[in-house]
């Protein structure tokens, strides 16, 4: 954890619900509502912004 830092290590916790919803749809045949993909995008964008990777992505 000292090599990654607290922000990078905690991002795994935020991705768990996203992976759970995707696995539920794929393997269990659950139905997805419109709010779940939007929530997943917000979670991923929050991780990108909190890790300050947005500048790296736009500068390429």
PDB file of N, CA and C in Angstrom:
ATOM      1  N   UNK A   1       0.814  -1.182   0.000  1.00  0.00           N
ATOM      2  CA  UNK A   1       0.000   0.000   0.000  1.00  0.00           C
ATOM      3  C   UNK A   1       0.864   1.255   0.000  1.00  0.00           C
ATOM      4  N   UNK A   2       2.029   1.182   0.553  1.00  0.00           N
ATOM      5  CA  UNK A   2       2.881   2.365   0.571  1.00  0.00           C
ATOM      6  C   UNK A   2       3.341   2.742  -0.830  1.00  0.00           C
ATOM      7  N   UNK A   3       3.484   1.769  -1.711  1.00  0.00           N
ATOM      8  CA  UNK A   3       3.895   2.070  -3.081  1.00  0.00           C
ATOM      9  C   UNK A   3       2.757   2.700  -3.880  1.00  0.00           C
ATOM     10  N   UNK A   4       1.537   2.235  -3.673  1.00  0.00           N
ATOM     11  CA  UNK A   4       0.382   2.746  -4.415  1.00  0.00           C
ATOM     12  C   UNK A   4      -0.161   4.030  -3.830  1.00  0.00           C
ATOM     13  N   UNK A   5      -0.136   4.156  -2.536  1.00  0.00           N
ATOM     14  CA  UNK A   5      -0.758   5.293  -1.873  1.00  0.00           C
ATOM     15  C   UNK A   5      -2.201   4.980  -1.531  1.00  0.00           C
ATOM     16  N   UNK A   6      -2.762   5.750  -0.640  1.00  0.00           N
ATOM     17  CA  UNK A   6      -4.112   5.492  -0.142  1.00  0.00           C
ATOM     18  C   UNK A   6      -5.178   5.681  -1.213  1.00  0.00           C
ATOM     19  N   UNK A   7      -5.028   6.673  -2.060  1.00  0.00           N
ATOM     20  CA  UNK A   7      -6.044   6.942  -3.089  1.00  0.00           C
ATOM     21  C   UNK A   7      -6.125   5.805  -4.086  1.00  0.00           C
ATOM     22  N   UNK A   8      -4.994   5.341  -4.564  1.00  0.00           N
ATOM     23  CA  UNK A   8      -4.996   4.245  -5.530  1.00  0.00           C
ATOM     24  C   UNK A   8      -5.491   2.950  -4.902  1.00  0.00           C
ATOM     25  N   UNK A   9      -5.106   2.673  -3.688  1.00  0.00           N
ATOM     26  CA  UNK A   9      -5.529   1.441  -3.028  1.00  0.00           C
ATOM     27  C   UNK A   9      -7.031   1.446  -2.745  1.00  0.00           C
ATOM     28  N   UNK A  10      -7.597   2.583  -2.433  1.00  0.00           N
ATOM     29  CA  UNK A  10      -9.028   2.639  -2.127  1.00  0.00           C
ATOM     30  C   UNK A  10      -9.903   2.571  -3.366  1.00  0.00           C
ATOM     31  N   UNK A  11      -9.348   2.792  -4.546  1.00  0.00           N
ATOM     32  CA  UNK A  11     -10.158   2.743  -5.765  1.00  0.00           C
ATOM     33  C   UNK A  11     -10.727   1.355  -6.021  1.00  0.00           C
ATOM     34  N   UNK A  12     -10.086   0.325  -5.520  1.00  0.00           N
ATOM     35  CA  UNK A  12     -10.607  -1.033  -5.662  1.00  0.00           C
ATOM     36  C   UNK A  12     -11.952  -1.157  -4.956  1.00  0.00           C
ATOM     37  N   UNK A  13     -12.099  -0.503  -3.838  1.00  0.00           N
ATOM     38  CA  UNK A  13     -13.351  -0.546  -3.081  1.00  0.00           C
ATOM     39  C   UNK A  13     -14.497   0.075  -3.874  1.00  0.00           C
ATOM     40  N   UNK A  14     -14.229   1.117  -4.619  1.00  0.00           N
ATOM     41  CA  UNK A  14     -15.280   1.784  -5.380  1.00  0.00           C
ATOM     42  C   UNK A  14     -15.695   1.002  -6.618  1.00  0.00           C
ATOM     43  N   UNK A  15     -14.827   0.170  -7.140  1.00  0.00           N
ATOM     44  CA  UNK A  15     -15.145  -0.607  -8.333  1.00  0.00           C
ATOM     45  C   UNK A  15     -15.916  -1.885  -8.040  1.00  0.00           C
ATOM     46  N   UNK A  16     -15.940  -2.347  -6.803  1.00  0.00           N
ATOM     47  CA  UNK A  16     -16.614  -3.593  -6.450  1.00  0.00           C
ATOM     48  C   UNK A  16     -18.101  -3.594  -6.823  1.00  0.00           C
ATOM     49  N   UNK A  17     -18.878  -2.554  -6.515  1.00  0.00           N
ATOM     50  CA  UNK A  17     -20.293  -2.573  -6.926  1.00  0.00           C
ATOM     51  C   UNK A  17     -20.487  -2.587  -8.443  1.00  0.00           C
ATOM     52  N   UNK A  18     -19.604  -1.901  -9.166  1.00  0.00           N
ATOM     53  CA  UNK A  18     -19.698  -1.874 -10.626  1.00  0.00           C
ATOM     54  C   UNK A  18     -19.490  -3.275 -11.189  1.00  0.00           C
ATOM     55  N   UNK A  19     -18.467  -3.963 -10.696  1.00  0.00           N
ATOM     56  CA  UNK A  19     -18.190  -5.331 -11.145  1.00  0.00           C
ATOM     57  C   UNK A  19     -19.330  -6.261 -10.741  1.00  0.00           C
ATOM     58  N   UNK A  20     -19.896  -6.066  -9.567  1.00  0.00           N
ATOM     59  CA  UNK A  20     -21.019  -6.886  -9.115  1.00  0.00           C
ATOM     60  C   UNK A  20     -22.233  -6.751 -10.014  1.00  0.00           C
ATOM     61  N   UNK A  21     -22.540  -5.540 -10.440  1.00  0.00           N
ATOM     62  CA  UNK A  21     -23.678  -5.332 -11.339  1.00  0.00           C
ATOM     63  C   UNK A  21     -23.407  -5.976 -12.703  1.00  0.00           C
ATOM     64  N   UNK A  22     -22.206  -5.795 -13.220  1.00  0.00           N
ATOM     65  CA  UNK A  22     -21.865  -6.396 -14.518  1.00  0.00           C
ATOM     66  C   UNK A  22     -21.951  -7.917 -14.448  1.00  0.00           C
ATOM     67  N   UNK A  23     -21.411  -8.515 -13.410  1.00  0.00           N
ATOM     68  CA  UNK A  23     -21.481  -9.973 -13.262  1.00  0.00           C
ATOM     69  C   UNK A  23     -22.920 -10.442 -13.087  1.00  0.00           C
ATOM     70  N   UNK A  24     -23.743  -9.680 -12.371  1.00  0.00           N
ATOM     71  CA  UNK A  24     -25.141 -10.037 -12.201  1.00  0.00           C
ATOM     72  C   UNK A  24     -25.889 -10.060 -13.519  1.00  0.00           C
ATOM     73  N   UNK A  25     -25.601  -9.090 -14.374  1.00  0.00           N
ATOM     74  CA  UNK A  25     -26.254  -9.032 -15.684  1.00  0.00           C
ATOM     75  C   UNK A  25     -25.773 -10.172 -16.574  1.00  0.00           C
ATOM     76  N   UNK A  26     -24.463 -10.420 -16.574  1.00  0.00           N
ATOM     77  CA  UNK A  26     -23.899 -11.436 -17.469  1.00  0.00           C
ATOM     78  C   UNK A  26     -24.238 -12.842 -17.009  1.00  0.00           C
ATOM     79  N   UNK A  27     -23.996 -13.150 -15.755  1.00  0.00           N
ATOM     80  CA  UNK A  27     -24.088 -14.533 -15.287  1.00  0.00           C
ATOM     81  C   UNK A  27     -25.444 -14.906 -14.685  1.00  0.00           C
ATOM     82  N   UNK A  28     -26.168 -13.943 -14.135  1.00  0.00           N
ATOM     83  CA  UNK A  28     -27.424 -14.256 -13.470  1.00  0.00           C
ATOM     84  C   UNK A  28     -28.652 -13.800 -14.248  1.00  0.00           C
ATOM     85  N   UNK A  29     -28.432 -13.115 -15.350  1.00  0.00           N
ATOM     86  CA  UNK A  29     -29.542 -12.660 -16.169  1.00  0.00           C
ATOM     87  C   UNK A  29     -30.366 -11.555 -15.543  1.00  0.00           C
ATOM     88  N   UNK A  30     -29.781 -10.790 -14.630  1.00  0.00           N
ATOM     89  CA  UNK A  30     -30.497  -9.685 -13.993  1.00  0.00           C
ATOM     90  C   UNK A  30     -30.697  -8.549 -14.994  1.00  0.00           C
ATOM     91  N   UNK A  31     -31.722  -7.768 -14.769  1.00  0.00           N
ATOM     92  CA  UNK A  31     -32.012  -6.635 -15.649  1.00  0.00           C
ATOM     93  C   UNK A  31     -31.370  -5.377 -15.097  1.00  0.00           C
ATOM     94  N   UNK A  32     -30.879  -4.549 -16.015  1.00  0.00           N
ATOM     95  CA  UNK A  32     -30.208  -3.321 -15.620  1.00  0.00           C
ATOM     96  C   UNK A  32     -31.113  -2.137 -15.951  1.00  0.00           C
ATOM     97  N   UNK A  33     -31.209  -1.195 -15.043  1.00  0.00           N
ATOM     98  CA  UNK A  33     -31.971   0.025 -15.287  1.00  0.00           C
ATOM     99  C   UNK A  33     -31.048   1.104 -15.840  1.00  0.00           C
ATOM    100  N   UNK A  34     -31.609   2.215 -16.264  1.00  0.00           N
ATOM    101  CA  UNK A  34     -30.820   3.284 -16.869  1.00  0.00           C
ATOM    102  C   UNK A  34     -29.851   3.929 -15.883  1.00  0.00           C
ATOM    103  N   UNK A  35     -30.169   3.884 -14.607  1.00  0.00           N
ATOM    104  CA  UNK A  35     -29.329   4.586 -13.634  1.00  0.00           C
ATOM    105  C   UNK A  35     -28.033   3.837 -13.309  1.00  0.00           C
ATOM    106  N   UNK A  36     -28.000   2.541 -13.531  1.00  0.00           N
ATOM    107  CA  UNK A  36     -26.804   1.773 -13.180  1.00  0.00           C
ATOM    108  C   UNK A  36     -25.603   2.075 -14.086  1.00  0.00           C
ATOM    109  N   UNK A  37     -25.758   2.134 -15.416  1.00  0.00           N
ATOM    110  CA  UNK A  37     -24.597   2.532 -16.238  1.00  0.00           C
ATOM    111  C   UNK A  37     -24.143   3.963 -15.968  1.00  0.00           C
ATOM    112  N   UNK A  38     -25.104   4.843 -15.699  1.00  0.00           N
ATOM    113  CA  UNK A  38     -24.736   6.229 -15.388  1.00  0.00           C
ATOM    114  C   UNK A  38     -23.956   6.281 -14.079  1.00  0.00           C
ATOM    115  N   UNK A  39     -24.394   5.511 -13.094  1.00  0.00           N
ATOM    116  CA  UNK A  39     -23.663   5.441 -11.827  1.00  0.00           C
ATOM    117  C   UNK A  39     -22.271   4.869 -11.997  1.00  0.00           C
ATOM    118  N   UNK A  40     -22.138   3.865 -12.857  1.00  0.00           N
ATOM    119  CA  UNK A  40     -20.819   3.268 -13.104  1.00  0.00           C
ATOM    120  C   UNK A  40     -19.877   4.279 -13.755  1.00  0.00           C
ATOM    121  N   UNK A  41     -20.399   5.043 -14.700  1.00  0.00           N
ATOM    122  CA  UNK A  41     -19.573   6.074 -15.346  1.00  0.00           C
ATOM    123  C   UNK A  41     -19.153   7.127 -14.323  1.00  0.00           C
ATOM    124  N   UNK A  42     -20.057   7.525 -13.446  1.00  0.00           N
ATOM    125  CA  UNK A  42     -19.711   8.512 -12.419  1.00  0.00           C
ATOM    126  C   UNK A  42     -18.646   7.987 -11.462  1.00  0.00           C
ATOM    127  N   UNK A  43     -18.742   6.702 -11.106  1.00  0.00           N
ATOM    128  CA  UNK A  43     -17.739   6.111 -10.218  1.00  0.00           C
ATOM    129  C   UNK A  43     -16.370   6.107 -10.891  1.00  0.00           C
ATOM    130  N   UNK A  44     -16.324   5.670 -12.145  1.00  0.00           N
ATOM    131  CA  UNK A  44     -15.043   5.613 -12.855  1.00  0.00           C
ATOM    132  C   UNK A  44     -14.477   7.018 -13.057  1.00  0.00           C
ATOM    133  N   UNK A  45     -15.308   7.969 -13.414  1.00  0.00           N
ATOM    134  CA  UNK A  45     -14.828   9.350 -13.556  1.00  0.00           C
ATOM    135  C   UNK A  45     -14.329   9.914 -12.231  1.00  0.00           C
ATOM    136  N   UNK A  46     -15.003   9.581 -11.151  1.00  0.00           N
ATOM    137  CA  UNK A  46     -14.539  10.020  -9.839  1.00  0.00           C
ATOM    138  C   UNK A  46     -13.178   9.462  -9.488  1.00  0.00           C
ATOM    139  N   UNK A  47     -12.947   8.206  -9.844  1.00  0.00           N
ATOM    140  CA  UNK A  47     -11.631   7.601  -9.606  1.00  0.00           C
ATOM    141  C   UNK A  47     -10.575   8.288 -10.447  1.00  0.00           C
ATOM    142  N   UNK A  48     -10.883   8.537 -11.714  1.00  0.00           N
ATOM    143  CA  UNK A  48      -9.917   9.196 -12.608  1.00  0.00           C
ATOM    144  C   UNK A  48      -9.578  10.592 -12.094  1.00  0.00           C
ATOM    145  N   UNK A  49     -10.587  11.342 -11.690  1.00  0.00           N
ATOM    146  CA  UNK A  49     -10.349  12.706 -11.201  1.00  0.00           C
ATOM    147  C   UNK A  49      -9.578  12.679  -9.887  1.00  0.00           C
ATOM    148  N   UNK A  50      -9.941  11.758  -8.985  1.00  0.00           N
ATOM    149  CA  UNK A  50      -9.266  11.730  -7.686  1.00  0.00           C
ATOM    150  C   UNK A  50      -7.811  11.305  -7.789  1.00  0.00           C
ATOM    151  N   UNK A  51      -7.487  10.553  -8.809  1.00  0.00           N
ATOM    152  CA  UNK A  51      -6.103  10.140  -8.994  1.00  0.00           C
ATOM    153  C   UNK A  51      -5.331  11.099  -9.896  1.00  0.00           C
ATOM    154  N   UNK A  52      -5.996  12.163 -10.293  1.00  0.00           N
ATOM    155  CA  UNK A  52      -5.389  13.200 -11.140  1.00  0.00           C
ATOM    156  C   UNK A  52      -4.854  12.633 -12.452  1.00  0.00           C
ATOM    157  N   UNK A  53      -5.584  11.696 -13.023  1.00  0.00           N
ATOM    158  CA  UNK A  53      -5.172  11.115 -14.304  1.00  0.00           C
ATOM    159  C   UNK A  53      -5.872  11.786 -15.478  1.00  0.00           C
ATOM    160  N   UNK A  54      -6.774  12.694 -15.207  1.00  0.00           N
ATOM    161  CA  UNK A  54      -7.504  13.343 -16.265  1.00  0.00           C
ATOM    162  C   UNK A  54      -6.577  14.186 -17.120  1.00  0.00           C
ATOM    163  N   UNK A  55      -5.622  14.863 -16.520  1.00  0.00           N
ATOM    164  CA  UNK A  55      -4.675  15.660 -17.281  1.00  0.00           C
ATOM    165  C   UNK A  55      -3.794  14.783 -18.167  1.00  0.00           C
ATOM    166  N   UNK A  56      -3.419  13.615 -17.672  1.00  0.00           N
ATOM    167  CA  UNK A  56      -2.585  12.701 -18.463  1.00  0.00           C
ATOM    168  C   UNK A  56      -3.338  12.182 -19.679  1.00  0.00           C
ATOM    169  N   UNK A  57      -4.631  11.916 -19.514  1.00  0.00           N
ATOM    170  CA  UNK A  57      -5.420  11.395 -20.625  1.00  0.00           C
ATOM    171  C   UNK A  57      -5.669  12.464 -21.692  1.00  0.00           C
ATOM    172  N   UNK A  58      -5.898  13.705 -21.280  1.00  0.00           N
ATOM    173  CA  UNK A  58      -6.183  14.755 -22.249  1.00  0.00           C
ATOM    174  C   UNK A  58      -4.927  15.303 -22.910  1.00  0.00           C
ATOM    175  N   UNK A  59      -3.769  15.102 -22.334  1.00  0.00           N
ATOM    176  CA  UNK A  59      -2.534  15.643 -22.920  1.00  0.00           C
ATOM    177  C   UNK A  59      -1.971  14.730 -24.004  1.00  0.00           C
ATOM    178  N   UNK A  60      -2.495  13.527 -24.138  1.00  0.00           N
ATOM    179  CA  UNK A  60      -1.976  12.601 -25.159  1.00  0.00           C
ATOM    180  C   UNK A  60      -2.523  12.875 -26.511  1.00  0.00           C
TER     181      UNK A  60
END
